[in-house]
C-alpha atoms as a PDB file:
ATOM      1  CA  UNK A   1      66.091-203.472 -74.129  1.00  0.00           C
ATOM      2  CA  UNK A   2      66.334-202.305 -77.705  1.00  0.00           C
ATOM      3  CA  UNK A   3      69.026-204.135 -79.930  1.00  0.00           C
ATOM      4  CA  UNK A   4      70.062-201.978 -82.676  1.00  0.00           C
ATOM      5  CA  UNK A   5      71.837-203.639 -85.747  1.00  0.00           C
ATOM      6  CA  UNK A   6      75.472-202.770 -86.068  1.00  0.00           C
ATOM      7  CA  UNK A   7      75.641-200.987 -82.410  1.00  0.00           C
ATOM      8  CA  UNK A   8      77.391-202.592 -79.591  1.00  0.00           C
ATOM      9  CA  UNK A   9      74.957-202.955 -76.529  1.00  0.00           C
ATOM     10  CA  UNK A  10      76.379-202.491 -73.019  1.00  0.00           C
ATOM     11  CA  UNK A  11      75.112-204.554 -70.249  1.00  0.00           C
ATOM     12  CA  UNK A  12      73.404-203.409 -68.059  1.00  0.00           C
ATOM     13  CA  UNK A  13      71.341-200.970 -70.092  1.00  0.00           C
ATOM     14  CA  UNK A  14      71.464-198.458 -67.487  1.00  0.00           C
ATOM     15  CA  UNK A  15      71.775-194.410 -67.074  1.00  0.00           C
ATOM     16  CA  UNK A  16      71.908-192.690 -70.352  1.00  0.00           C
ATOM     17  CA  UNK A  17      73.781-195.134 -72.239  1.00  0.00           C
ATOM     18  CA  UNK A  18      71.123-196.111 -74.561  1.00  0.00           C
ATOM     19  CA  UNK A  19      70.236-192.735 -75.329  1.00  0.00           C
ATOM     20  CA  UNK A  20      73.712-191.953 -76.337  1.00  0.00           C
ATOM     21  CA  UNK A  21      73.607-194.844 -78.529  1.00  0.00           C
ATOM     22  CA  UNK A  22      70.267-194.171 -79.997  1.00  0.00           C
ATOM     23  CA  UNK A  23      71.593-190.536 -80.747  1.00  0.00           C
ATOM     24  CA  UNK A  24      74.390-191.681 -82.590  1.00  0.00           C
ATOM     25  CA  UNK A  25      72.511-194.390 -84.500  1.00  0.00           C
ATOM     26  CA  UNK A  26      70.158-191.849 -85.466  1.00  0.00           C
ATOM     27  CA  UNK A  27      72.823-189.323 -86.453  1.00  0.00           C
ATOM     28  CA  UNK A  28      74.334-191.853 -88.736  1.00  0.00           C
ATOM     29  CA  UNK A  29      70.927-192.125 -90.473  1.00  0.00           C
ATOM     30  CA  UNK A  30      70.570-188.418 -90.858  1.00  0.00           C
ATOM     31  CA  UNK A  31      74.282-188.031 -92.138  1.00  0.00           C
ATOM     32  CA  UNK A  32      72.925-190.271 -94.980  1.00  0.00           C
ATOM     33  CA  UNK A  33      70.704-187.576 -96.314  1.00  0.00           C
ATOM     34  CA  UNK A  34      73.511-184.777 -96.319  1.00  0.00           C
ATOM     35  CA  UNK A  35      74.487-183.873 -99.852  1.00  0.00           C
ATOM     36  CA  UNK A  36      77.896-182.590-100.140  1.00  0.00           C
ATOM     37  CA  UNK A  37      77.448-181.184-103.453  1.00  0.00           C
ATOM     38  CA  UNK A  38      74.826-178.653-102.068  1.00  0.00           C
ATOM     39  CA  UNK A  39      75.769-178.646 -98.349  1.00  0.00           C
ATOM     40  CA  UNK A  40      72.145-179.493 -97.438  1.00  0.00           C
ATOM     41  CA  UNK A  41      69.860-182.351 -96.805  1.00  0.00           C
ATOM     42  CA  UNK A  42      68.154-184.219 -99.522  1.00  0.00           C
ATOM     43  CA  UNK A  43      64.319-184.858 -98.910  1.00  0.00           C
ATOM     44  CA  UNK A  44      63.843-181.524 -97.138  1.00  0.00           C
ATOM     45  CA  UNK A  45      63.858-177.888 -97.526  1.00  0.00           C
ATOM     46  CA  UNK A  46      65.978-174.799 -96.772  1.00  0.00           C
ATOM     47  CA  UNK A  47      65.029-173.786 -93.465  1.00  0.00           C
ATOM     48  CA  UNK A  48      64.700-177.577 -92.315  1.00  0.00           C
ATOM     49  CA  UNK A  49      68.265-178.042 -93.343  1.00  0.00           C
ATOM     50  CA  UNK A  50      69.329-175.336 -90.775  1.00  0.00           C
ATOM     51  CA  UNK A  51      67.713-177.550 -88.153  1.00  0.00           C
ATOM     52  CA  UNK A  52      69.200-180.633 -89.507  1.00  0.00           C
ATOM     53  CA  UNK A  53      72.575-179.056 -89.487  1.00  0.00           C
ATOM     54  CA  UNK A  54      72.026-177.789 -86.072  1.00  0.00           C
ATOM     55  CA  UNK A  55      70.960-181.085 -84.758  1.00  0.00           C
ATOM     56  CA  UNK A  56      74.125-182.803 -86.159  1.00  0.00           C
ATOM     57  CA  UNK A  57      76.357-179.864 -84.437  1.00  0.00           C
ATOM     58  CA  UNK A  58      74.734-180.653 -81.144  1.00  0.00           C
ATOM     59  CA  UNK A  59      75.066-184.410 -81.658  1.00  0.00           C
ATOM     60  CA  UNK A  60      78.976-183.577 -82.522  1.00  0.00           C
ATOM     61  CA  UNK A  61      79.374-181.561 -79.455  1.00  0.00           C
ATOM     62  CA  UNK A  62      77.815-184.185 -76.974  1.00  0.00           C
ATOM     63  CA  UNK A  63      79.337-187.233 -78.756  1.00  0.00           C
ATOM     64  CA  UNK A  64      82.828-185.529 -79.443  1.00  0.00           C
ATOM     65  CA  UNK A  65      82.236-186.448 -83.244  1.00  0.00           C
ATOM     66  CA  UNK A  66      83.951-184.452 -86.017  1.00  0.00           C
ATOM     67  CA  UNK A  67      80.885-184.456 -88.254  1.00  0.00           C
ATOM     68  CA  UNK A  68      79.484-181.271 -87.300  1.00  0.00           C
ATOM     69  CA  UNK A  69      82.690-179.362 -88.142  1.00  0.00           C
ATOM     70  CA  UNK A  70      83.237-181.065 -91.617  1.00  0.00           C
ATOM     71  CA  UNK A  71      79.638-180.351 -92.557  1.00  0.00           C
ATOM     72  CA  UNK A  72      79.643-176.776 -90.979  1.00  0.00           C
ATOM     73  CA  UNK A  73      82.755-176.201 -93.453  1.00  0.00           C
ATOM     74  CA  UNK A  74      81.108-177.681 -96.466  1.00  0.00           C
ATOM     75  CA  UNK A  75      77.629-176.068 -96.047  1.00  0.00           C
ATOM     76  CA  UNK A  76      79.521-172.569 -95.513  1.00  0.00           C
ATOM     77  CA  UNK A  77      81.739-172.940 -98.831  1.00  0.00           C
ATOM     78  CA  UNK A  78      78.543-174.205-100.842  1.00  0.00           C
ATOM     79  CA  UNK A  79      75.976-171.602 -99.717  1.00  0.00           C
ATOM     80  CA  UNK A  80      77.886-168.547 -98.602  1.00  0.00           C
ATOM     81  CA  UNK A  81      77.539-166.814-101.916  1.00  0.00           C
ATOM     82  CA  UNK A  82      74.072-166.018-101.001  1.00  0.00           C
ATOM     83  CA  UNK A  83      74.659-165.032 -97.530  1.00  0.00           C
ATOM     84  CA  UNK A  84      72.084-167.330 -96.073  1.00  0.00           C
ATOM     85  CA  UNK A  85      69.441-164.680 -96.770  1.00  0.00           C
ATOM     86  CA  UNK A  86      66.210-165.322 -98.539  1.00  0.00           C
ATOM     87  CA  UNK A  87      62.582-163.856 -98.568  1.00  0.00           C
ATOM     88  CA  UNK A  88      61.565-165.182 -95.092  1.00  0.00           C
ATOM     89  CA  UNK A  89      62.895-163.581 -91.850  1.00  0.00           C
ATOM     90  CA  UNK A  90      62.221-167.139 -89.994  1.00  0.00           C
ATOM     91  CA  UNK A  91      64.423-168.932 -92.587  1.00  0.00           C
ATOM     92  CA  UNK A  92      67.158-166.267 -91.813  1.00  0.00           C
ATOM     93  CA  UNK A  93      66.752-166.799 -88.128  1.00  0.00           C
ATOM     94  CA  UNK A  94      67.089-170.373 -88.400  1.00  0.00           C
ATOM     95  CA  UNK A  95      70.349-170.068 -90.397  1.00  0.00           C
ATOM     96  CA  UNK A  96      71.678-167.529 -87.823  1.00  0.00           C
ATOM     97  CA  UNK A  97      71.157-169.928 -84.831  1.00  0.00           C
ATOM     98  CA  UNK A  98      72.584-172.838 -86.604  1.00  0.00           C
ATOM     99  CA  UNK A  99      75.919-170.552 -87.476  1.00  0.00           C
ATOM    100  CA  UNK A 100      75.982-169.247 -83.925  1.00  0.00           C
ATOM    101  CA  UNK A 101      76.047-173.132 -82.848  1.00  0.00           C
ATOM    102  CA  UNK A 102      78.655-174.052 -85.620  1.00  0.00           C
ATOM    103  CA  UNK A 103      80.600-171.070 -84.057  1.00  0.00           C
ATOM    104  CA  UNK A 104      80.288-172.326 -80.708  1.00  0.00           C
ATOM    105  CA  UNK A 105      81.708-175.801 -81.703  1.00  0.00           C
ATOM    106  CA  UNK A 106      84.484-174.680 -84.084  1.00  0.00           C
ATOM    107  CA  UNK A 107      85.264-171.137 -82.896  1.00  0.00           C
ATOM    108  CA  UNK A 108      85.616-170.508 -86.534  1.00  0.00           C
ATOM    109  CA  UNK A 109      84.920-166.731 -86.588  1.00  0.00           C
ATOM    110  CA  UNK A 110      83.526-166.698 -90.358  1.00  0.00           C
ATOM    111  CA  UNK A 111      80.416-168.649 -88.706  1.00  0.00           C
ATOM    112  CA  UNK A 112      79.763-165.854 -86.164  1.00  0.00           C
ATOM    113  CA  UNK A 113      80.427-163.275 -88.697  1.00  0.00           C
ATOM    114  CA  UNK A 114      77.826-164.904 -91.010  1.00  0.00           C
ATOM    115  CA  UNK A 115      75.202-164.998 -88.051  1.00  0.00           C
ATOM    116  CA  UNK A 116      75.780-161.435 -87.458  1.00  0.00           C
ATOM    117  CA  UNK A 117      75.194-160.575 -90.939  1.00  0.00           C
ATOM    118  CA  UNK A 118      72.083-162.610 -91.307  1.00  0.00           C
ATOM    119  CA  UNK A 119      70.670-160.708 -88.078  1.00  0.00           C
ATOM    120  CA  UNK A 120      71.490-157.415 -89.561  1.00  0.00           C
ATOM    121  CA  UNK A 121      69.124-158.364 -92.395  1.00  0.00           C
ATOM    122  CA  UNK A 122      66.538-159.538 -89.897  1.00  0.00           C
ATOM    123  CA  UNK A 123      66.407-156.127 -88.320  1.00  0.00           C
ATOM    124  CA  UNK A 124      65.179-154.609 -91.603  1.00  0.00           C
ATOM    125  CA  UNK A 125      61.917-156.280 -90.867  1.00  0.00           C
ATOM    126  CA  UNK A 126      61.050-154.356 -88.064  1.00  0.00           C
ATOM    127  CA  UNK A 127      58.477-151.625 -88.228  1.00  0.00           C
ATOM    128  CA  UNK A 128      55.772-150.029 -86.272  1.00  0.00           C
ATOM    129  CA  UNK A 129      52.762-151.961 -87.572  1.00  0.00           C
ATOM    130  CA  UNK A 130      51.234-153.395 -84.483  1.00  0.00           C
ATOM    131  CA  UNK A 131      53.439-151.704 -82.432  1.00  0.00           C
ATOM    132  CA  UNK A 132      56.656-153.326 -83.518  1.00  0.00           C
ATOM    133  CA  UNK A 133      58.093-156.604 -84.291  1.00  0.00           C
ATOM    134  CA  UNK A 134      59.322-158.197 -87.587  1.00  0.00           C
ATOM    135  CA  UNK A 135      57.292-159.365 -90.274  1.00  0.00           C
ATOM    136  CA  UNK A 136      57.309-163.156 -91.299  1.00  0.00           C
ATOM    137  CA  UNK A 137      58.471-162.398 -94.864  1.00  0.00           C
ATOM    138  CA  UNK A 138      59.931-159.349 -96.996  1.00  0.00           C
ATOM    139  CA  UNK A 139      56.455-158.905 -98.606  1.00  0.00           C
ATOM    140  CA  UNK A 140      55.303-157.725 -95.251  1.00  0.00           C
ATOM    141  CA  UNK A 141      51.939-159.611 -95.200  1.00  0.00           C
ATOM    142  CA  UNK A 142      51.984-161.507 -91.789  1.00  0.00           C
ATOM    143  CA  UNK A 143      53.334-160.701 -88.330  1.00  0.00           C
ATOM    144  CA  UNK A 144      53.763-163.889 -86.127  1.00  0.00           C
ATOM    145  CA  UNK A 145      55.558-165.503 -83.535  1.00  0.00           C
ATOM    146  CA  UNK A 146      58.231-167.597 -85.060  1.00  0.00           C
ATOM    147  CA  UNK A 147      60.345-164.949 -86.868  1.00  0.00           C
ATOM    148  CA  UNK A 148      59.894-162.894 -83.708  1.00  0.00           C
ATOM    149  CA  UNK A 149      60.902-165.565 -81.250  1.00  0.00           C
ATOM    150  CA  UNK A 150      63.863-166.539 -83.715  1.00  0.00           C
ATOM    151  CA  UNK A 151      64.870-162.486 -83.619  1.00  0.00           C
ATOM    152  CA  UNK A 152      65.042-162.339 -79.844  1.00  0.00           C
ATOM    153  CA  UNK A 153      67.012-165.618 -79.757  1.00  0.00           C
ATOM    154  CA  UNK A 154      69.588-164.759 -82.164  1.00  0.00           C
ATOM    155  CA  UNK A 155      69.961-161.371 -80.714  1.00  0.00           C
ATOM    156  CA  UNK A 156      70.381-162.766 -77.234  1.00  0.00           C
ATOM    157  CA  UNK A 157      72.964-165.281 -78.291  1.00  0.00           C
ATOM    158  CA  UNK A 158      74.777-162.548 -80.230  1.00  0.00           C
ATOM    159  CA  UNK A 159      74.963-160.468 -77.252  1.00  0.00           C
ATOM    160  CA  UNK A 160      76.432-163.145 -75.332  1.00  0.00           C
ATOM    161  CA  UNK A 161      79.310-163.815 -78.251  1.00  0.00           C
ATOM    162  CA  UNK A 162      80.159-160.055 -78.797  1.00  0.00           C
ATOM    163  CA  UNK A 163      81.637-157.340 -76.927  1.00  0.00           C
ATOM    164  CA  UNK A 164      81.103-153.522 -76.399  1.00  0.00           C
ATOM    165  CA  UNK A 165      79.040-151.320 -78.399  1.00  0.00           C
ATOM    166  CA  UNK A 166      78.134-154.602 -80.598  1.00  0.00           C
ATOM    167  CA  UNK A 167      76.899-156.617 -77.541  1.00  0.00           C
ATOM    168  CA  UNK A 168      74.713-153.845 -76.079  1.00  0.00           C
ATOM    169  CA  UNK A 169      73.204-153.309 -79.353  1.00  0.00           C
ATOM    170  CA  UNK A 170      72.095-156.961 -79.849  1.00  0.00           C
ATOM    171  CA  UNK A 171      70.907-157.150 -76.095  1.00  0.00           C
ATOM    172  CA  UNK A 172      68.728-153.774 -76.858  1.00  0.00           C
ATOM    173  CA  UNK A 173      67.416-155.709 -79.966  1.00  0.00           C
ATOM    174  CA  UNK A 174      66.523-158.692 -77.650  1.00  0.00           C
ATOM    175  CA  UNK A 175      65.123-156.725 -74.916  1.00  0.00           C
ATOM    176  CA  UNK A 176      63.122-154.574 -77.395  1.00  0.00           C
ATOM    177  CA  UNK A 177      61.871-157.918 -79.284  1.00  0.00           C
ATOM    178  CA  UNK A 178      60.991-159.430 -76.137  1.00  0.00           C
ATOM    179  CA  UNK A 179      58.841-156.636 -74.706  1.00  0.00           C
ATOM    180  CA  UNK A 180      56.872-156.223 -77.827  1.00  0.00           C
ATOM    181  CA  UNK A 181      56.317-160.180 -77.987  1.00  0.00           C
ATOM    182  CA  UNK A 182      55.172-160.237 -74.650  1.00  0.00           C
ATOM    183  CA  UNK A 183      52.400-157.319 -75.277  1.00  0.00           C
ATOM    184  CA  UNK A 184      51.464-158.674 -78.361  1.00  0.00           C
ATOM    185  CA  UNK A 185      48.899-161.359 -77.131  1.00  0.00           C
ATOM    186  CA  UNK A 186      50.190-163.999 -78.910  1.00  0.00           C
ATOM    187  CA  UNK A 187      50.715-165.710 -75.594  1.00  0.00           C
ATOM    188  CA  UNK A 188      47.221-166.911 -74.729  1.00  0.00           C
ATOM    189  CA  UNK A 189      45.535-167.328 -71.476  1.00  0.00           C
ATOM    190  CA  UNK A 190      46.594-171.221 -71.330  1.00  0.00           C
ATOM    191  CA  UNK A 191      50.158-169.941 -71.562  1.00  0.00           C
ATOM    192  CA  UNK A 192      50.612-171.263 -75.267  1.00  0.00           C
ATOM    193  CA  UNK A 193      51.904-169.239 -78.053  1.00  0.00           C
ATOM    194  CA  UNK A 194      49.263-169.120 -80.899  1.00  0.00           C
ATOM    195  CA  UNK A 195      50.646-168.733 -84.408  1.00  0.00           C
ATOM    196  CA  UNK A 196      50.239-165.053 -85.079  1.00  0.00           C
ATOM    197  CA  UNK A 197      48.359-161.681 -85.362  1.00  0.00           C
ATOM    198  CA  UNK A 198      45.302-160.982 -87.358  1.00  0.00           C
ATOM    199  CA  UNK A 199      44.683-157.597 -89.600  1.00  0.00           C
ATOM    200  CA  UNK A 200      43.593-155.949 -86.483  1.00  0.00           C
ATOM    201  CA  UNK A 201      47.026-156.861 -84.467  1.00  0.00           C
ATOM    202  CA  UNK A 202      45.119-159.194 -82.250  1.00  0.00           C
ATOM    203  CA  UNK A 203      45.847-162.881 -81.565  1.00  0.00           C
ATOM    204  CA  UNK A 204      44.753-164.827 -84.633  1.00  0.00           C
ATOM    205  CA  UNK A 205      43.957-168.034 -82.537  1.00  0.00           C
ATOM    206  CA  UNK A 206      45.705-170.136 -85.130  1.00  0.00           C
ATOM    207  CA  UNK A 207      47.286-173.547 -83.901  1.00  0.00           C
ATOM    208  CA  UNK A 208      49.628-173.578 -81.012  1.00  0.00           C
ATOM    209  CA  UNK A 209      52.572-175.333 -83.041  1.00  0.00           C
ATOM    210  CA  UNK A 210      54.989-177.065 -80.798  1.00  0.00           C
ATOM    211  CA  UNK A 211      58.026-174.887 -82.286  1.00  0.00           C
ATOM    212  CA  UNK A 212      56.282-172.060 -81.241  1.00  0.00           C
ATOM    213  CA  UNK A 213      56.364-173.121 -77.761  1.00  0.00           C
ATOM    214  CA  UNK A 214      60.183-174.098 -78.189  1.00  0.00           C
ATOM    215  CA  UNK A 215      62.134-171.248 -79.594  1.00  0.00           C
ATOM    216  CA  UNK A 216      60.866-168.624 -76.880  1.00  0.00           C
ATOM    217  CA  UNK A 217      62.170-171.182 -74.386  1.00  0.00           C
ATOM    218  CA  UNK A 218      65.626-170.839 -75.385  1.00  0.00           C
ATOM    219  CA  UNK A 219      65.330-167.128 -76.092  1.00  0.00           C
ATOM    220  CA  UNK A 220      64.136-166.674 -72.637  1.00  0.00           C
ATOM    221  CA  UNK A 221      66.786-168.527 -71.062  1.00  0.00           C
ATOM    222  CA  UNK A 222      69.320-166.684 -73.058  1.00  0.00           C
ATOM    223  CA  UNK A 223      67.751-163.320 -72.215  1.00  0.00           C
ATOM    224  CA  UNK A 224      67.561-164.174 -68.494  1.00  0.00           C
ATOM    225  CA  UNK A 225      71.121-164.959 -68.277  1.00  0.00           C
ATOM    226  CA  UNK A 226      71.984-161.483 -69.759  1.00  0.00           C
ATOM    227  CA  UNK A 227      69.667-159.465 -67.810  1.00  0.00           C
ATOM    228  CA  UNK A 228      69.445-161.339 -64.658  1.00  0.00           C
ATOM    229  CA  UNK A 229      65.605-160.838 -64.685  1.00  0.00           C
ATOM    230  CA  UNK A 230      63.854-163.942 -62.946  1.00  0.00           C
ATOM    231  CA  UNK A 231      60.539-163.129 -64.539  1.00  0.00           C
ATOM    232  CA  UNK A 232      61.915-164.152 -67.720  1.00  0.00           C
ATOM    233  CA  UNK A 233      62.460-167.918 -66.488  1.00  0.00           C
ATOM    234  CA  UNK A 234      59.037-167.753 -64.764  1.00  0.00           C
ATOM    235  CA  UNK A 235      57.523-167.156 -68.090  1.00  0.00           C
ATOM    236  CA  UNK A 236      59.668-169.782 -69.664  1.00  0.00           C
ATOM    237  CA  UNK A 237      58.432-172.311 -67.241  1.00  0.00           C
ATOM    238  CA  UNK A 238      54.794-171.370 -67.650  1.00  0.00           C
ATOM    239  CA  UNK A 239      55.101-171.813 -71.550  1.00  0.00           C
ATOM    240  CA  UNK A 240      57.012-175.121 -70.899  1.00  0.00           C
ATOM    241  CA  UNK A 241      54.667-176.712 -68.478  1.00  0.00           C
ATOM    242  CA  UNK A 242      51.585-175.884 -70.444  1.00  0.00           C
ATOM    243  CA  UNK A 243      53.018-177.298 -73.647  1.00  0.00           C
ATOM    244  CA  UNK A 244      54.273-180.647 -71.885  1.00  0.00           C
ATOM    245  CA  UNK A 245      50.708-181.019 -70.345  1.00  0.00           C
ATOM    246  CA  UNK A 246      48.568-179.838 -73.354  1.00  0.00           C
ATOM    247  CA  UNK A 247      50.197-180.429 -76.624  1.00  0.00           C
ATOM    248  CA  UNK A 248      50.285-184.139 -76.062  1.00  0.00           C
ATOM    249  CA  UNK A 249      48.774-187.455 -76.590  1.00  0.00           C
ATOM    250  CA  UNK A 250      46.923-189.072 -73.531  1.00  0.00           C
ATOM    251  CA  UNK A 251      50.261-190.958 -72.922  1.00  0.00           C
ATOM    252  CA  UNK A 252      52.199-187.816 -72.630  1.00  0.00           C
ATOM    253  CA  UNK A 253      54.111-188.047 -75.918  1.00  0.00           C
ATOM    254  CA  UNK A 254      54.117-184.708 -77.804  1.00  0.00           C
ATOM    255  CA  UNK A 255      51.634-184.196 -80.413  1.00  0.00           C
ATOM    256  CA  UNK A 256      51.866-181.637 -83.256  1.00  0.00           C
ATOM    257  CA  UNK A 257      48.388-180.142 -83.793  1.00  0.00           C
ATOM    258  CA  UNK A 258      48.302-181.261 -87.486  1.00  0.00           C
ATOM    259  CA  UNK A 259      48.752-185.086 -86.583  1.00  0.00           C
ATOM    260  CA  UNK A 260      47.789-187.689 -87.461  1.00  0.00           C
ATOM    261  CA  UNK A 261      47.724-185.971 -90.898  1.00  0.00           C
ATOM    262  CA  UNK A 262      51.214-185.701 -92.717  1.00  0.00           C
ATOM    263  CA  UNK A 263      51.753-182.139 -91.801  1.00  0.00           C
ATOM    264  CA  UNK A 264      53.272-181.150 -95.213  1.00  0.00           C
ATOM    265  CA  UNK A 265      57.075-180.424 -95.404  1.00  0.00           C
ATOM    266  CA  UNK A 266      57.239-178.034 -92.471  1.00  0.00           C
ATOM    267  CA  UNK A 267      55.335-179.807 -89.666  1.00  0.00           C
ATOM    268  CA  UNK A 268      57.556-182.749 -89.138  1.00  0.00           C
ATOM    269  CA  UNK A 269      60.331-180.230 -87.924  1.00  0.00           C
ATOM    270  CA  UNK A 270      58.422-178.614 -85.259  1.00  0.00           C
ATOM    271  CA  UNK A 271      58.549-181.094 -82.416  1.00  0.00           C
ATOM    272  CA  UNK A 272      62.317-181.299 -82.531  1.00  0.00           C
ATOM    273  CA  UNK A 273      62.747-177.589 -82.035  1.00  0.00           C
ATOM    274  CA  UNK A 274      60.566-177.860 -79.070  1.00  0.00           C
ATOM    275  CA  UNK A 275      62.609-180.639 -77.511  1.00  0.00           C
ATOM    276  CA  UNK A 276      66.038-179.107 -78.414  1.00  0.00           C
ATOM    277  CA  UNK A 277      64.807-175.859 -76.649  1.00  0.00           C
ATOM    278  CA  UNK A 278      63.070-177.790 -73.515  1.00  0.00           C
ATOM    279  CA  UNK A 279      66.477-179.359 -72.896  1.00  0.00           C
ATOM    280  CA  UNK A 280      68.086-176.127 -73.414  1.00  0.00           C
ATOM    281  CA  UNK A 281      65.760-174.581 -70.582  1.00  0.00           C
ATOM    282  CA  UNK A 282      66.100-177.529 -68.506  1.00  0.00           C
ATOM    283  CA  UNK A 283      70.090-177.389 -68.471  1.00  0.00           C
ATOM    284  CA  UNK A 284      69.923-173.806 -67.529  1.00  0.00           C
ATOM    285  CA  UNK A 285      66.986-174.081 -65.014  1.00  0.00           C
ATOM    286  CA  UNK A 286      66.270-177.715 -64.290  1.00  0.00           C
ATOM    287  CA  UNK A 287      62.739-179.328 -63.372  1.00  0.00           C
ATOM    288  CA  UNK A 288      62.273-182.831 -62.930  1.00  0.00           C
ATOM    289  CA  UNK A 289      59.179-182.881 -65.057  1.00  0.00           C
ATOM    290  CA  UNK A 290      61.221-181.764 -68.070  1.00  0.00           C
ATOM    291  CA  UNK A 291      63.642-184.557 -67.835  1.00  0.00           C
ATOM    292  CA  UNK A 292      61.077-187.192 -67.611  1.00  0.00           C
ATOM    293  CA  UNK A 293      59.344-185.622 -70.426  1.00  0.00           C
ATOM    294  CA  UNK A 294      62.346-185.734 -72.808  1.00  0.00           C
ATOM    295  CA  UNK A 295      63.070-189.390 -71.765  1.00  0.00           C
ATOM    296  CA  UNK A 296      59.590-190.318 -72.294  1.00  0.00           C
ATOM    297  CA  UNK A 297      59.650-188.948 -75.634  1.00  0.00           C
ATOM    298  CA  UNK A 298      63.091-190.219 -76.854  1.00  0.00           C
ATOM    299  CA  UNK A 299      62.008-193.589 -75.703  1.00  0.00           C
ATOM    300  CA  UNK A 300      58.669-193.782 -77.547  1.00  0.00           C
ATOM    301  CA  UNK A 301      60.504-192.426 -80.886  1.00  0.00           C
ATOM    302  CA  UNK A 302      62.989-195.191 -80.531  1.00  0.00           C
ATOM    303  CA  UNK A 303      60.546-197.960 -79.392  1.00  0.00           C
ATOM    304  CA  UNK A 304      57.425-196.992 -81.329  1.00  0.00           C
ATOM    305  CA  UNK A 305      58.243-194.973 -84.354  1.00  0.00           C
ATOM    306  CA  UNK A 306      61.362-196.496 -86.064  1.00  0.00           C
ATOM    307  CA  UNK A 307      61.941-198.998 -89.089  1.00  0.00           C
ATOM    308  CA  UNK A 308      64.447-201.754 -89.346  1.00  0.00           C
ATOM    309  CA  UNK A 309      66.818-199.174 -90.864  1.00  0.00           C
ATOM    310  CA  UNK A 310      66.741-196.742 -88.081  1.00  0.00           C
ATOM    311  CA  UNK A 311      64.652-194.251 -89.605  1.00  0.00           C
ATOM    312  CA  UNK A 312      62.128-192.375 -87.683  1.00  0.00           C
ATOM    313  CA  UNK A 313      58.722-191.100 -88.777  1.00  0.00           C
ATOM    314  CA  UNK A 314      56.379-188.343 -87.822  1.00  0.00           C
ATOM    315  CA  UNK A 315      53.970-189.476 -85.159  1.00  0.00           C
ATOM    316  CA  UNK A 316      56.053-190.164 -82.056  1.00  0.00           C
ATOM    317  CA  UNK A 317      53.512-192.450 -80.489  1.00  0.00           C
ATOM    318  CA  UNK A 318      54.003-194.729 -83.779  1.00  0.00           C
ATOM    319  CA  UNK A 319      53.549-196.196 -86.073  1.00  0.00           C
ATOM    320  CA  UNK A 320      56.352-195.213 -88.489  1.00  0.00           C
ATOM    321  CA  UNK A 321      54.912-193.745 -91.448  1.00  0.00           C
ATOM    322  CA  UNK A 322      57.800-192.697 -93.835  1.00  0.00           C
ATOM    323  CA  UNK A 323      61.260-191.196 -93.526  1.00  0.00           C
ATOM    324  CA  UNK A 324      62.857-187.970 -94.666  1.00  0.00           C
ATOM    325  CA  UNK A 325      65.617-185.697 -93.149  1.00  0.00           C
ATOM    326  CA  UNK A 326      62.995-183.380 -91.499  1.00  0.00           C
ATOM    327  CA  UNK A 327      61.540-186.429 -89.488  1.00  0.00           C
ATOM    328  CA  UNK A 328      64.852-187.742 -88.508  1.00  0.00           C
ATOM    329  CA  UNK A 329      66.344-184.445 -87.520  1.00  0.00           C
ATOM    330  CA  UNK A 330      63.402-183.587 -85.551  1.00  0.00           C
ATOM    331  CA  UNK A 331      63.667-186.969 -83.697  1.00  0.00           C
ATOM    332  CA  UNK A 332      67.387-186.249 -83.590  1.00  0.00           C
ATOM    333  CA  UNK A 333      66.646-183.175 -81.503  1.00  0.00           C
ATOM    334  CA  UNK A 334      64.910-185.250 -79.077  1.00  0.00           C
ATOM    335  CA  UNK A 335      67.486-187.937 -78.772  1.00  0.00           C
ATOM    336  CA  UNK A 336      70.191-185.390 -78.366  1.00  0.00           C
ATOM    337  CA  UNK A 337      68.182-183.824 -75.460  1.00  0.00           C
ATOM    338  CA  UNK A 338      67.677-187.197 -73.621  1.00  0.00           C
ATOM    339  CA  UNK A 339      71.431-187.791 -74.175  1.00  0.00           C
ATOM    340  CA  UNK A 340      72.375-184.623 -72.652  1.00  0.00           C
ATOM    341  CA  UNK A 341      70.528-185.379 -69.333  1.00  0.00           C
END
């Protein structure tokens, strides 16, 4: 049993009690990086902040905490002037998903309106180069997986939360985005998603980052619910099973392709995105191997990759390396997923 300073422990430590406690304790640490003056998280970047915010919202929903709603109001007020737009369509997608999640938690219509506005800007990134899809950024120099996965996911979630012609338009975008993505060649023969396309519009063979395996799981889960197409879930399961058996250490712990290097400012965020979306797929189309994988990783994070202040590092097998909001929020996603089982 792991004893966490300042957290009451129940005896015996059965069921999901420990994952609930770990998630709450980690969430307290993550909240320490939240800066109410900016509405963002110190030690990390703009797109990472959207994911940290998303993790806090999930924690708040699961544990019936008020921190998600409080931070949503602050983050909105501090940043709405910029509309949550920037030069990168993937950054916009992260914020759109976060605001949809905030809307689900609070039912504040401003948040859904923000997500809709952001998605409207994302659609301007679509053109016929490589047969369709949106660009990574507004300079239009790379078509890759993550913005397009986010595009499908945001469109599907907006379709489920709107009515009439608006809902149909979002669904049409989600279906169009998926048909293009499926035909693009970015899903390789092993069932994993490579990073993007080269100048000839072929799979560029770049790393199979964990978040590229993750976002598509959530997108396909939502799209399957809207269309009742079972093939979408079959594809999601193929990608999920490939990821949990391939992009791992020998002991089954999720491994980012950049590890054991530091993975820069972006890489530490990726694994949490995968775990969040694997948990989402499992909630709607459960498989025992997913629950086992989620619990295995959450346990390793807490037992092998945590310092005395309950901060969590990059490599989930351990040892702890350093702390920041990206590392903590990535682990938070895994702990949330375990607590939700």
